[in-house]
Every structure is written in structure tokens, then in C-alpha cells.
C-alpha atoms as a PDB file:
ATOM      1  CA  MET A   1     -12.753  53.585 164.473  1.00  0.00           C
ATOM      2  CA  LYS A   2      -9.162  54.265 163.419  1.00  0.00           C
ATOM      3  CA  THR A   3      -8.751  57.723 161.853  1.00  0.00           C
ATOM      4  CA  ASP A   4      -5.002  58.430 162.187  1.00  0.00           C
ATOM      5  CA  TYR A   5      -2.462  56.819 159.885  1.00  0.00           C
ATOM      6  CA  LYS A   6       1.248  57.374 159.141  1.00  0.00           C
ATOM      7  CA  PHE A   7       0.873  60.055 156.435  1.00  0.00           C
ATOM      8  CA  ILE A   8      -2.805  60.987 156.511  1.00  0.00           C
ATOM      9  CA  HIS A   9      -5.745  61.312 158.871  1.00  0.00           C
ATOM     10  CA  PHE A  10      -9.484  61.616 158.430  1.00  0.00           C
ATOM     11  CA  ASP A  11     -11.703  64.345 159.854  1.00  0.00           C
ATOM     12  CA  TRP A  12     -15.464  64.254 159.997  1.00  0.00           C
ATOM     13  CA  ALA A  13     -17.029  66.992 157.897  1.00  0.00           C
ATOM     14  CA  ILE A  14     -20.522  68.275 157.189  1.00  0.00           C
ATOM     15  CA  SER A  15     -22.286  64.987 157.945  1.00  0.00           C
ATOM     16  CA  ASP A  16     -21.702  61.289 158.564  1.00  0.00           C
ATOM     17  CA  ASP A  17     -21.515  60.936 154.784  1.00  0.00           C
ATOM     18  CA  VAL A  18     -18.385  63.110 154.248  1.00  0.00           C
ATOM     19  CA  TYR A  19     -14.869  62.775 155.696  1.00  0.00           C
ATOM     20  CA  LEU A  20     -11.930  65.029 154.842  1.00  0.00           C
ATOM     21  CA  ILE A  21      -8.537  63.454 154.112  1.00  0.00           C
ATOM     22  CA  ARG A  22      -5.747  65.568 155.574  1.00  0.00           C
ATOM     23  CA  ASN A  23      -1.969  65.446 155.276  1.00  0.00           C
ATOM     24  CA  ASN A  24      -0.400  64.805 158.705  1.00  0.00           C
ATOM     25  CA  LYS A  25       2.582  67.074 158.062  1.00  0.00           C
ATOM     26  CA  THR A  26       0.864  70.142 156.554  1.00  0.00           C
ATOM     27  CA  LYS A  27      -2.652  69.515 157.931  1.00  0.00           C
ATOM     28  CA  GLY A  28      -3.920  70.491 154.462  1.00  0.00           C
ATOM     29  CA  THR A  29      -6.949  68.823 152.914  1.00  0.00           C
ATOM     30  CA  ILE A  30      -5.964  66.545 150.027  1.00  0.00           C
ATOM     31  CA  GLY A  31      -9.329  64.979 149.334  1.00  0.00           C
ATOM     32  CA  CYS A  32     -12.491  63.603 150.818  1.00  0.00           C
ATOM     33  CA  LEU A  33     -14.452  60.419 151.142  1.00  0.00           C
ATOM     34  CA  GLU A  34     -18.159  60.635 150.638  1.00  0.00           C
ATOM     35  CA  PHE A  35     -21.014  58.206 150.476  1.00  0.00           C
ATOM     36  CA  TYR A  36     -22.219  58.168 146.859  1.00  0.00           C
ATOM     37  CA  LYS A  37     -25.874  57.224 147.077  1.00  0.00           C
ATOM     38  CA  PRO A  38     -26.383  56.102 143.437  1.00  0.00           C
ATOM     39  CA  TRP A  39     -23.695  53.433 143.925  1.00  0.00           C
ATOM     40  CA  ARG A  40     -24.445  52.908 147.640  1.00  0.00           C
ATOM     41  CA  GLN A  41     -20.738  52.976 148.465  1.00  0.00           C
ATOM     42  CA  TRP A  42     -17.910  55.223 149.632  1.00  0.00           C
ATOM     43  CA  VAL A  43     -15.910  57.058 146.961  1.00  0.00           C
ATOM     44  CA  LEU A  44     -12.716  59.138 146.946  1.00  0.00           C
ATOM     45  CA  SER A  45     -12.583  62.678 145.578  1.00  0.00           C
ATOM     46  CA  ALA A  46      -9.014  64.006 145.556  1.00  0.00           C
ATOM     47  CA  ILE A  47      -7.896  67.554 144.914  1.00  0.00           C
ATOM     48  CA  GLU A  48      -6.163  68.026 141.573  1.00  0.00           C
ATOM     49  CA  THR A  49      -2.631  68.391 142.968  1.00  0.00           C
ATOM     50  CA  ALA A  50      -2.836  65.552 145.500  1.00  0.00           C
ATOM     51  CA  VAL A  51      -0.476  62.619 145.165  1.00  0.00           C
ATOM     52  CA  PHE A  52      -0.761  59.343 147.058  1.00  0.00           C
ATOM     53  CA  ASN A  53       1.752  56.553 147.557  1.00  0.00           C
ATOM     54  CA  ASP A  54       0.746  52.923 147.943  1.00  0.00           C
ATOM     55  CA  GLN A  55       0.608  53.150 151.747  1.00  0.00           C
ATOM     56  CA  CYS A  56      -1.754  56.144 151.630  1.00  0.00           C
ATOM     57  CA  LEU A  57      -4.017  54.277 149.226  1.00  0.00           C
ATOM     58  CA  LYS A  58      -4.018  51.209 151.505  1.00  0.00           C
ATOM     59  CA  ASP A  59      -4.912  53.448 154.454  1.00  0.00           C
ATOM     60  CA  ILE A  60      -7.743  55.055 152.480  1.00  0.00           C
ATOM     61  CA  ILE A  61      -9.080  51.611 151.559  1.00  0.00           C
ATOM     62  CA  HIS A  62      -8.805  50.511 155.200  1.00  0.00           C
ATOM     63  CA  PHE A  63     -10.745  53.565 156.365  1.00  0.00           C
ATOM     64  CA  MET A  64     -13.359  53.062 153.635  1.00  0.00           C
ATOM     65  CA  GLY A  65     -13.803  49.483 154.877  1.00  0.00           C
ATOM     66  CA  GLN A  66     -14.465  50.762 158.380  1.00  0.00           C
ATOM     67  CA  LEU A  67     -17.032  53.215 157.004  1.00  0.00           C
ATOM     68  CA  LYS A  68     -18.685  50.486 154.938  1.00  0.00           C
ATOM     69  CA  ASN A  69     -19.014  48.281 158.003  1.00  0.00           C
ATOM     70  CA  LYS A  70     -20.400  51.211 160.018  1.00  0.00           C
ATOM     71  CA  LYS A  71     -22.955  51.950 157.264  1.00  0.00           C
ATOM     72  CA  GLU A  72     -24.017  48.288 157.072  1.00  0.00           C
ATOM     73  CA  VAL A  73     -24.489  48.064 160.843  1.00  0.00           C
ATOM     74  CA  ALA A  74     -26.508  51.302 160.869  1.00  0.00           C
ATOM     75  CA  SER A  75     -28.771  50.077 158.071  1.00  0.00           C
ATOM     76  CA  GLU A  76     -29.535  46.880 160.017  1.00  0.00           C
ATOM     77  CA  ASP A  77     -30.923  48.878 162.951  1.00  0.00           C
END
């Protein structure tokens, strides 16, 4: 699974249902992706001061797609 992108990278946190989004330059956490059970899908929670350009948002969507596929495969087992 791809976790490193041009401006951001994703780190596993707490469980398989939470990933931290970190800035590549500062290594600071700018948000997280978590599996929101009521909606049965991955959602983004960003810190208040975080800003994202279009490429970052595309990378987040790409990573969420990988997580969705991983979740679907795991639920088939």
C-alpha cells in the first residue's frame, strides 16, 4: 500500500481504523483518516489550521481508496 506522497504521508495510529496524515517537510500531524462505522466509510478529520492544495486532496482520496479496498477484502474473509 502506498503511504508516501509528494507533500504528505500517512502513519498508522492506534488501530487499523486510524491513520495520521503528516506533513513531509515538518513531520507535523495535519489530520487523520478514520473508519466511521455509522457510515461504513473512511472520513477525514483535519486540524483547524491545516490547509490542503488540490494535489494533497487527490493523494488523500487515493489513500482512502486503498483503505476502502483493504477493508472490503478483509470483510470478504
